Amino acid sequence: MASRLSRAAGALAGAIAGITALSLVPAGAATASSRQAGPAGSTRQAGTAGSTRQAGRRTPARPSQPAARPGASVPCGAFCASYFTEKYGPEFVLNDFRGRQATGTRVTLRYASNSDPAEDWSIWPTGTVRQLAAFGIVSRALALHYGADQAFEAEFAPYGTPTGLCAGLAGGAASGESVTLQWCGQSGKTVWVTDAADQAGNYAPLINGSDRNFSDPQVLTEPGWPTRWPRPQLISDRLQKFADGTVYDDQMWDNTTGVLP
């Protein structure tokens, strides 16, 4: 599978310009051809979802924290991105829990800091869903409704150093499945698809690439208040919408690149 993903990424290099048109993939994202994939045949450990999800609200109260903007650590610089939800805003960004840098490590949100390497992520565009489906990396069922949507992997890269570990799912797309570090380039479980149809401004849901449900997808979800302890682990969950068609704001994602000034 790793070789298939590498071949697909090389063949789809021309798609990167189209991906960066959506803000969910930073303009400074590295090209897939320069990617160092994780070792094949590695053992994956499933995380546990330790909290119950609370329904999102469109205009939430923010945590009482000092004003902050997310940013990669100084060594990571413009090559790294920080992801955050519409619900909590850029004060809380994607984080490798305790910076363990190991398969099965929980992925959470944490208060933004430009000195915390656990918040450093590199984005690897992989092409459209239709293109990935042609290589067997994602299902043709997913391509039925999301074929033109762009996909990417988010690799944990403390201080800009590649680890070969990406935010993904150990067991595949299912409600409550924990988001953990998994070897990049092994399957669609570490691929995330920007749901362009439900994008609102700079925010959009991120569908997991292992999903086979073409009408009711599993998306990246923040299930609880990120300042709680133990810190809630990100999960995949069914795309949730209000009566007016807007998506829950704990399932809407945006990113920023670079270091804090």
C-alpha atoms as a PDB file:
ATOM      1  CA  MET A   1       0.000   0.000   0.000  1.00  0.00           C
ATOM      2  CA  ALA A   2       2.838   2.382   0.777  1.00  0.00           C
ATOM      3  CA  SER A   3       4.231   1.903  -2.721  1.00  0.00           C
ATOM      4  CA  ARG A   4       0.803   2.512  -4.240  1.00  0.00           C
ATOM      5  CA  LEU A   5       0.451   5.756  -2.313  1.00  0.00           C
ATOM      6  CA  SER A   6       3.941   6.851  -3.379  1.00  0.00           C
ATOM      7  CA  ARG A   7       3.181   6.112  -7.041  1.00  0.00           C
ATOM      8  CA  ALA A   8      -0.141   7.871  -6.800  1.00  0.00           C
ATOM      9  CA  ALA A   9       1.414  10.922  -5.167  1.00  0.00           C
ATOM     10  CA  GLY A  10       4.053  11.171  -7.857  1.00  0.00           C
ATOM     11  CA  ALA A  11       1.477  10.912 -10.621  1.00  0.00           C
ATOM     12  CA  LEU A  12      -0.702  13.529  -8.934  1.00  0.00           C
ATOM     13  CA  ALA A  13       1.911  16.221  -8.375  1.00  0.00           C
ATOM     14  CA  GLY A  14       0.002  18.522 -10.694  1.00  0.00           C
ATOM     15  CA  ALA A  15      -3.005  18.410  -8.377  1.00  0.00           C
ATOM     16  CA  ILE A  16      -1.219  20.295  -5.592  1.00  0.00           C
ATOM     17  CA  ALA A  17      -2.030  23.698  -7.056  1.00  0.00           C
ATOM     18  CA  GLY A  18      -5.715  22.785  -6.988  1.00  0.00           C
ATOM     19  CA  ILE A  19      -5.534  21.605  -3.401  1.00  0.00           C
ATOM     20  CA  THR A  20      -4.000  24.830  -2.143  1.00  0.00           C
ATOM     21  CA  ALA A  21      -6.951  26.738  -3.578  1.00  0.00           C
ATOM     22  CA  LEU A  22      -8.815  25.423  -0.514  1.00  0.00           C
ATOM     23  CA  SER A  23      -7.430  26.907   2.672  1.00  0.00           C
ATOM     24  CA  LEU A  24      -7.527  23.523   4.402  1.00  0.00           C
ATOM     25  CA  VAL A  25      -4.201  22.663   2.740  1.00  0.00           C
ATOM     26  CA  PRO A  26      -1.543  25.353   3.256  1.00  0.00           C
ATOM     27  CA  ALA A  27       0.150  26.941   0.248  1.00  0.00           C
ATOM     28  CA  GLY A  28       3.497  26.017   1.799  1.00  0.00           C
ATOM     29  CA  ALA A  29       2.709  22.302   1.980  1.00  0.00           C
ATOM     30  CA  ALA A  30       5.541  20.035   0.913  1.00  0.00           C
ATOM     31  CA  THR A  31       5.231  18.093  -2.321  1.00  0.00           C
ATOM     32  CA  ALA A  32       4.387  14.426  -2.007  1.00  0.00           C
ATOM     33  CA  SER A  33       7.379  13.419  -4.133  1.00  0.00           C
ATOM     34  CA  SER A  34       9.765  14.506  -1.358  1.00  0.00           C
ATOM     35  CA  ARG A  35       7.880  12.552   1.292  1.00  0.00           C
ATOM     36  CA  GLN A  36       9.579   9.964   3.500  1.00  0.00           C
ATOM     37  CA  ALA A  37       7.024   7.231   4.154  1.00  0.00           C
ATOM     38  CA  GLY A  38       6.870   5.258   7.379  1.00  0.00           C
ATOM     39  CA  PRO A  39       8.027   1.648   7.383  1.00  0.00           C
ATOM     40  CA  ALA A  40       5.699  -0.943   5.956  1.00  0.00           C
ATOM     41  CA  GLY A  41       4.255  -3.675   8.123  1.00  0.00           C
ATOM     42  CA  SER A  42       4.420  -1.678  11.336  1.00  0.00           C
ATOM     43  CA  THR A  43       2.224  -2.609  14.282  1.00  0.00           C
ATOM     44  CA  ARG A  44      -0.654  -0.198  14.892  1.00  0.00           C
ATOM     45  CA  GLN A  45      -2.194   0.390  18.275  1.00  0.00           C
ATOM     46  CA  ALA A  46      -5.750   1.658  18.594  1.00  0.00           C
ATOM     47  CA  GLY A  47      -6.457   4.582  20.875  1.00  0.00           C
ATOM     48  CA  THR A  48      -9.481   4.878  23.092  1.00  0.00           C
ATOM     49  CA  ALA A  49     -12.142   7.533  22.891  1.00  0.00           C
ATOM     50  CA  GLY A  50     -12.307   8.747  26.438  1.00  0.00           C
ATOM     51  CA  SER A  51     -15.084  11.270  26.309  1.00  0.00           C
ATOM     52  CA  THR A  52     -18.654  11.821  25.181  1.00  0.00           C
ATOM     53  CA  ARG A  53     -19.138  14.309  22.397  1.00  0.00           C
ATOM     54  CA  GLN A  54     -21.045  17.500  23.050  1.00  0.00           C
ATOM     55  CA  ALA A  55     -23.048  19.024  20.196  1.00  0.00           C
ATOM     56  CA  GLY A  56     -21.335  21.993  18.591  1.00  0.00           C
ATOM     57  CA  ARG A  57     -22.753  25.516  18.506  1.00  0.00           C
ATOM     58  CA  ARG A  58     -22.207  28.128  15.851  1.00  0.00           C
ATOM     59  CA  THR A  59     -21.191  30.928  18.218  1.00  0.00           C
ATOM     60  CA  PRO A  60     -19.529  29.281  21.225  1.00  0.00           C
ATOM     61  CA  ALA A  61     -18.094  30.978  24.259  1.00  0.00           C
ATOM     62  CA  ARG A  62     -14.303  30.748  24.132  1.00  0.00           C
ATOM     63  CA  PRO A  63     -12.134  29.452  26.982  1.00  0.00           C
ATOM     64  CA  SER A  64     -10.752  32.137  29.294  1.00  0.00           C
ATOM     65  CA  GLN A  65      -7.170  32.003  27.995  1.00  0.00           C
ATOM     66  CA  PRO A  66      -4.819  34.785  26.890  1.00  0.00           C
ATOM     67  CA  ALA A  67      -5.204  35.818  23.264  1.00  0.00           C
ATOM     68  CA  ALA A  68      -3.084  33.644  21.000  1.00  0.00           C
ATOM     69  CA  ARG A  69      -2.552  32.641  17.403  1.00  0.00           C
ATOM     70  CA  PRO A  70      -1.388  29.172  16.461  1.00  0.00           C
ATOM     71  CA  GLY A  71       2.001  28.812  14.890  1.00  0.00           C
ATOM     72  CA  ALA A  72       4.621  26.202  14.290  1.00  0.00           C
ATOM     73  CA  SER A  73       7.749  26.136  16.421  1.00  0.00           C
ATOM     74  CA  VAL A  74      10.530  28.402  15.165  1.00  0.00           C
ATOM     75  CA  PRO A  75      12.606  25.591  13.544  1.00  0.00           C
ATOM     76  CA  CYS A  76       9.487  24.242  11.788  1.00  0.00           C
ATOM     77  CA  GLY A  77       8.660  27.679  10.412  1.00  0.00           C
ATOM     78  CA  ALA A  78       6.605  28.144   7.258  1.00  0.00           C
ATOM     79  CA  PHE A  79       6.811  24.441   6.405  1.00  0.00           C
ATOM     80  CA  CYS A  80       4.395  23.480   9.193  1.00  0.00           C
ATOM     81  CA  ALA A  81       0.701  24.034   9.748  1.00  0.00           C
ATOM     82  CA  SER A  82      -1.556  24.296  12.778  1.00  0.00           C
ATOM     83  CA  TYR A  83      -5.119  22.958  12.523  1.00  0.00           C
ATOM     84  CA  PHE A  84      -8.004  24.203  14.658  1.00  0.00           C
ATOM     85  CA  THR A  85     -11.793  23.997  14.847  1.00  0.00           C
ATOM     86  CA  GLU A  86     -14.397  26.664  14.283  1.00  0.00           C
ATOM     87  CA  LYS A  87     -15.796  25.960  17.748  1.00  0.00           C
ATOM     88  CA  TYR A  88     -12.642  26.752  19.740  1.00  0.00           C
ATOM     89  CA  GLY A  89     -10.790  28.878  17.224  1.00  0.00           C
ATOM     90  CA  PRO A  90      -7.018  29.247  16.772  1.00  0.00           C
ATOM     91  CA  GLU A  91      -6.303  29.254  20.518  1.00  0.00           C
ATOM     92  CA  PHE A  92      -6.369  25.422  20.460  1.00  0.00           C
ATOM     93  CA  VAL A  93      -4.495  23.496  17.771  1.00  0.00           C
ATOM     94  CA  LEU A  94      -3.740  19.926  16.684  1.00  0.00           C
ATOM     95  CA  ASN A  95      -1.324  18.250  19.082  1.00  0.00           C
ATOM     96  CA  ASP A  96       0.587  14.979  19.550  1.00  0.00           C
ATOM     97  CA  PHE A  97      -0.365  14.218  23.157  1.00  0.00           C
ATOM     98  CA  ARG A  98       2.758  14.738  25.286  1.00  0.00           C
ATOM     99  CA  GLY A  99       4.928  14.625  22.159  1.00  0.00           C
ATOM    100  CA  ARG A 100       5.381  10.865  22.409  1.00  0.00           C
ATOM    101  CA  GLN A 101       6.088  10.398  18.678  1.00  0.00           C
ATOM    102  CA  ALA A 102       4.890   6.777  18.588  1.00  0.00           C
ATOM    103  CA  THR A 103       2.159   4.832  16.807  1.00  0.00           C
ATOM    104  CA  GLY A 104      -1.036   4.844  18.812  1.00  0.00           C
ATOM    105  CA  THR A 105      -0.309   8.195  20.472  1.00  0.00           C
ATOM    106  CA  ARG A 106      -3.464  10.222  21.058  1.00  0.00           C
ATOM    107  CA  VAL A 107      -4.088  13.284  18.878  1.00  0.00           C
ATOM    108  CA  THR A 108      -5.805  16.134  20.730  1.00  0.00           C
ATOM    109  CA  LEU A 109      -6.197  19.910  20.708  1.00  0.00           C
ATOM    110  CA  ARG A 110      -3.865  21.942  22.909  1.00  0.00           C
ATOM    111  CA  TYR A 111      -3.392  25.606  23.731  1.00  0.00           C
ATOM    112  CA  ALA A 112      -1.397  27.179  20.876  1.00  0.00           C
ATOM    113  CA  SER A 113       2.308  27.853  21.408  1.00  0.00           C
ATOM    114  CA  ASN A 114       5.195  28.583  19.043  1.00  0.00           C
ATOM    115  CA  SER A 115       7.601  26.777  21.373  1.00  0.00           C
ATOM    116  CA  ASP A 116       5.784  23.432  21.564  1.00  0.00           C
ATOM    117  CA  PRO A 117       7.074  20.940  18.950  1.00  0.00           C
ATOM    118  CA  ALA A 118       4.112  18.641  19.692  1.00  0.00           C
ATOM    119  CA  GLU A 119       2.028  21.095  17.633  1.00  0.00           C
ATOM    120  CA  ASP A 120       4.201  20.887  14.488  1.00  0.00           C
ATOM    121  CA  TRP A 121       2.576  19.206  11.473  1.00  0.00           C
ATOM    122  CA  SER A 122       3.555  18.982   7.803  1.00  0.00           C
ATOM    123  CA  ILE A 123       0.833  18.711   5.158  1.00  0.00           C
ATOM    124  CA  TRP A 124       1.228  16.339   2.209  1.00  0.00           C
ATOM    125  CA  PRO A 125      -1.260  16.785  -0.652  1.00  0.00           C
ATOM    126  CA  THR A 126      -2.197  13.452  -2.240  1.00  0.00           C
ATOM    127  CA  GLY A 127      -4.587  14.447  -5.043  1.00  0.00           C
ATOM    128  CA  THR A 128      -8.340  14.140  -5.503  1.00  0.00           C
ATOM    129  CA  VAL A 129     -10.501  11.363  -4.108  1.00  0.00           C
ATOM    130  CA  ARG A 130     -11.196  10.139  -7.626  1.00  0.00           C
ATOM    131  CA  GLN A 131      -7.481   9.892  -8.371  1.00  0.00           C
ATOM    132  CA  LEU A 132      -6.773   8.044  -5.125  1.00  0.00           C
ATOM    133  CA  ALA A 133      -9.683   5.666  -5.786  1.00  0.00           C
ATOM    134  CA  ALA A 134      -8.120   4.771  -9.133  1.00  0.00           C
ATOM    135  CA  PHE A 135      -5.055   3.524  -7.215  1.00  0.00           C
ATOM    136  CA  GLY A 136      -7.176   1.645  -4.672  1.00  0.00           C
ATOM    137  CA  ILE A 137      -6.092   3.875  -1.782  1.00  0.00           C
ATOM    138  CA  VAL A 138      -9.643   5.060  -1.031  1.00  0.00           C
ATOM    139  CA  SER A 139     -12.899   3.370  -2.012  1.00  0.00           C
ATOM    140  CA  ARG A 140     -14.809   4.055  -5.196  1.00  0.00           C
ATOM    141  CA  ALA A 141     -17.891   4.516  -2.994  1.00  0.00           C
ATOM    142  CA  LEU A 142     -16.228   7.563  -1.393  1.00  0.00           C
ATOM    143  CA  ALA A 143     -15.363   8.865  -4.854  1.00  0.00           C
ATOM    144  CA  LEU A 144     -19.024   8.685  -5.880  1.00  0.00           C
ATOM    145  CA  HIS A 145     -19.923  11.899  -4.008  1.00  0.00           C
ATOM    146  CA  TYR A 146     -16.493  13.337  -3.177  1.00  0.00           C
ATOM    147  CA  GLY A 147     -14.487  12.443  -6.295  1.00  0.00           C
ATOM    148  CA  ALA A 148     -13.397  16.009  -7.070  1.00  0.00           C
ATOM    149  CA  ASP A 149     -12.526  16.883  -3.469  1.00  0.00           C
ATOM    150  CA  GLN A 150      -8.873  17.224  -2.502  1.00  0.00           C
ATOM    151  CA  ALA A 151      -7.104  14.950  -0.009  1.00  0.00           C
ATOM    152  CA  PHE A 152      -3.983  15.190   2.146  1.00  0.00           C
ATOM    153  CA  GLU A 153      -2.054  13.632   5.023  1.00  0.00           C
ATOM    154  CA  ALA A 154      -0.977  15.498   8.171  1.00  0.00           C
ATOM    155  CA  GLU A 155       2.441  14.267   9.341  1.00  0.00           C
ATOM    156  CA  PHE A 156       3.724  14.937  12.838  1.00  0.00           C
ATOM    157  CA  ALA A 157       6.972  16.902  12.347  1.00  0.00           C
ATOM    158  CA  PRO A 158       8.436  18.234  15.633  1.00  0.00           C
ATOM    159  CA  TYR A 159      10.767  21.151  14.872  1.00  0.00           C
ATOM    160  CA  GLY A 160      10.165  20.373  11.194  1.00  0.00           C
ATOM    161  CA  THR A 161      11.675  16.872  11.409  1.00  0.00           C
ATOM    162  CA  PRO A 162       9.674  14.191   9.520  1.00  0.00           C
ATOM    163  CA  THR A 163       8.562  11.235  11.638  1.00  0.00           C
ATOM    164  CA  GLY A 164       6.617   9.167   9.098  1.00  0.00           C
ATOM    165  CA  LEU A 165       3.669   9.285  11.524  1.00  0.00           C
ATOM    166  CA  CYS A 166       0.379  10.877  10.487  1.00  0.00           C
ATOM    167  CA  ALA A 167      -2.893  11.714  12.204  1.00  0.00           C
ATOM    168  CA  GLY A 168      -5.225   8.860  11.317  1.00  0.00           C
ATOM    169  CA  LEU A 169      -7.353   5.945  12.432  1.00  0.00           C
ATOM    170  CA  ALA A 170      -6.115   2.525  13.504  1.00  0.00           C
ATOM    171  CA  GLY A 171      -9.358   0.668  12.889  1.00  0.00           C
ATOM    172  CA  GLY A 172     -10.918   2.625  10.033  1.00  0.00           C
ATOM    173  CA  ALA A 173     -13.783   5.102   9.806  1.00  0.00           C
ATOM    174  CA  ALA A 174     -16.447   4.502  12.464  1.00  0.00           C
ATOM    175  CA  SER A 175     -18.285   6.646  14.992  1.00  0.00           C
ATOM    176  CA  GLY A 176     -16.121   7.115  18.090  1.00  0.00           C
ATOM    177  CA  GLU A 177     -12.928   5.754  16.483  1.00  0.00           C
ATOM    178  CA  SER A 178      -9.944   7.481  18.103  1.00  0.00           C
ATOM    179  CA  VAL A 179      -7.557   9.624  16.080  1.00  0.00           C
ATOM    180  CA  THR A 180      -3.982   8.538  16.769  1.00  0.00           C
ATOM    181  CA  LEU A 181      -0.561   8.640  15.166  1.00  0.00           C
ATOM    182  CA  GLN A 182      -0.288   5.952  12.474  1.00  0.00           C
ATOM    183  CA  TRP A 183       2.336   5.254   9.836  1.00  0.00           C
ATOM    184  CA  CYS A 184       1.830   7.558   6.855  1.00  0.00           C
ATOM    185  CA  GLY A 185       1.302   6.187   3.375  1.00  0.00           C
ATOM    186  CA  GLN A 186      -0.048   2.791   4.400  1.00  0.00           C
ATOM    187  CA  SER A 187      -3.737   3.215   3.541  1.00  0.00           C
ATOM    188  CA  GLY A 188      -6.635   5.655   3.375  1.00  0.00           C
ATOM    189  CA  LYS A 189      -6.828   5.642   7.178  1.00  0.00           C
ATOM    190  CA  THR A 190      -4.314   8.526   7.339  1.00  0.00           C
ATOM    191  CA  VAL A 191      -5.869  10.408   4.418  1.00  0.00           C
ATOM    192  CA  TRP A 192      -8.230  13.323   5.074  1.00  0.00           C
ATOM    193  CA  VAL A 193     -10.585  14.730   2.449  1.00  0.00           C
ATOM    194  CA  THR A 194     -11.718  18.344   2.369  1.00  0.00           C
ATOM    195  CA  ASP A 195     -15.525  18.279   2.084  1.00  0.00           C
ATOM    196  CA  ALA A 196     -15.860  21.180  -0.343  1.00  0.00           C
ATOM    197  CA  ALA A 197     -19.659  20.952  -0.540  1.00  0.00           C
ATOM    198  CA  ASP A 198     -19.972  21.767   3.172  1.00  0.00           C
ATOM    199  CA  GLN A 199     -17.179  24.358   3.295  1.00  0.00           C
ATOM    200  CA  ALA A 200     -18.171  27.665   4.907  1.00  0.00           C
ATOM    201  CA  GLY A 201     -15.623  30.436   4.549  1.00  0.00           C
ATOM    202  CA  ASN A 202     -12.226  29.026   5.498  1.00  0.00           C
ATOM    203  CA  TYR A 203     -13.701  26.107   7.456  1.00  0.00           C
ATOM    204  CA  ALA A 204     -14.630  22.655   6.137  1.00  0.00           C
ATOM    205  CA  PRO A 205     -15.238  19.131   7.457  1.00  0.00           C
ATOM    206  CA  LEU A 206     -12.416  16.605   6.969  1.00  0.00           C
ATOM    207  CA  ILE A 207     -13.585  13.141   5.873  1.00  0.00           C
ATOM    208  CA  ASN A 208     -11.392  10.155   6.669  1.00  0.00           C
ATOM    209  CA  GLY A 209     -10.124   8.368   3.571  1.00  0.00           C
ATOM    210  CA  SER A 210     -11.055   4.908   4.873  1.00  0.00           C
ATOM    211  CA  ASP A 211     -14.758   5.789   4.806  1.00  0.00           C
ATOM    212  CA  ARG A 212     -16.948   3.754   2.433  1.00  0.00           C
ATOM    213  CA  ASN A 213     -20.197   5.612   3.122  1.00  0.00           C
ATOM    214  CA  PHE A 214     -20.762   7.986   0.224  1.00  0.00           C
ATOM    215  CA  SER A 215     -23.716   9.853   1.786  1.00  0.00           C
ATOM    216  CA  ASP A 216     -23.111   9.842   5.561  1.00  0.00           C
ATOM    217  CA  PRO A 217     -19.336  10.289   6.023  1.00  0.00           C
ATOM    218  CA  GLN A 218     -17.132  10.010   9.079  1.00  0.00           C
ATOM    219  CA  VAL A 219     -15.319  13.283   9.773  1.00  0.00           C
ATOM    220  CA  LEU A 220     -12.634  14.579  12.141  1.00  0.00           C
ATOM    221  CA  THR A 221     -14.357  15.670  15.368  1.00  0.00           C
ATOM    222  CA  GLU A 222     -13.341  17.367  18.626  1.00  0.00           C
ATOM    223  CA  PRO A 223     -15.607  15.601  21.156  1.00  0.00           C
ATOM    224  CA  GLY A 224     -15.244  17.824  24.227  1.00  0.00           C
ATOM    225  CA  TRP A 225     -13.777  20.900  25.871  1.00  0.00           C
ATOM    226  CA  PRO A 226      -9.981  20.797  25.170  1.00  0.00           C
ATOM    227  CA  THR A 227      -9.016  22.195  28.593  1.00  0.00           C
ATOM    228  CA  ARG A 228     -10.586  19.258  30.450  1.00  0.00           C
ATOM    229  CA  TRP A 229      -8.426  16.559  31.982  1.00  0.00           C
ATOM    230  CA  PRO A 230      -7.909  13.972  30.744  1.00  0.00           C
ATOM    231  CA  ARG A 231      -7.778  15.967  27.515  1.00  0.00           C
ATOM    232  CA  PRO A 232     -10.448  14.714  25.044  1.00  0.00           C
ATOM    233  CA  GLN A 233      -9.012  12.707  22.168  1.00  0.00           C
ATOM    234  CA  LEU A 234     -10.058  13.595  18.635  1.00  0.00           C
ATOM    235  CA  ILE A 235     -12.359  11.040  17.032  1.00  0.00           C
ATOM    236  CA  SER A 236     -14.141  10.308  13.783  1.00  0.00           C
ATOM    237  CA  ASP A 237     -17.897  10.749  13.918  1.00  0.00           C
ATOM    238  CA  ARG A 238     -20.838  11.065  11.538  1.00  0.00           C
ATOM    239  CA  LEU A 239     -21.128  14.445   9.852  1.00  0.00           C
ATOM    240  CA  GLN A 240     -23.660  16.361  11.937  1.00  0.00           C
ATOM    241  CA  LYS A 241     -25.784  19.262  10.685  1.00  0.00           C
ATOM    242  CA  PHE A 242     -28.346  21.627  12.135  1.00  0.00           C
ATOM    243  CA  ALA A 243     -31.790  22.065  10.577  1.00  0.00           C
ATOM    244  CA  ASP A 244     -30.487  24.931   8.437  1.00  0.00           C
ATOM    245  CA  GLY A 245     -27.821  22.683   6.898  1.00  0.00           C
ATOM    246  CA  THR A 246     -24.815  24.128   8.728  1.00  0.00           C
ATOM    247  CA  VAL A 247     -22.290  21.650  10.081  1.00  0.00           C
ATOM    248  CA  TYR A 248     -21.519  21.421  13.808  1.00  0.00           C
ATOM    249  CA  ASP A 249     -18.593  23.715  14.506  1.00  0.00           C
ATOM    250  CA  ASP A 250     -16.621  21.010  16.323  1.00  0.00           C
ATOM    251  CA  GLN A 251     -16.386  19.300  12.909  1.00  0.00           C
ATOM    252  CA  MET A 252     -15.297  22.365  10.927  1.00  0.00           C
ATOM    253  CA  TRP A 253     -11.530  22.809  10.470  1.00  0.00           C
ATOM    254  CA  ASP A 254      -9.124  25.479   9.266  1.00  0.00           C
ATOM    255  CA  ASN A 255      -5.363  25.936   9.500  1.00  0.00           C
ATOM    256  CA  THR A 256      -2.638  28.533   9.605  1.00  0.00           C
ATOM    257  CA  THR A 257       1.037  28.274   8.720  1.00  0.00           C
ATOM    258  CA  GLY A 258       4.267  29.753  10.020  1.00  0.00           C
ATOM    259  CA  VAL A 259       5.695  30.949  13.310  1.00  0.00           C
ATOM    260  CA  LEU A 260       4.195  33.423  15.745  1.00  0.00           C
ATOM    261  CA  PRO A 261       5.691  36.933  15.319  1.00  0.00           C
END
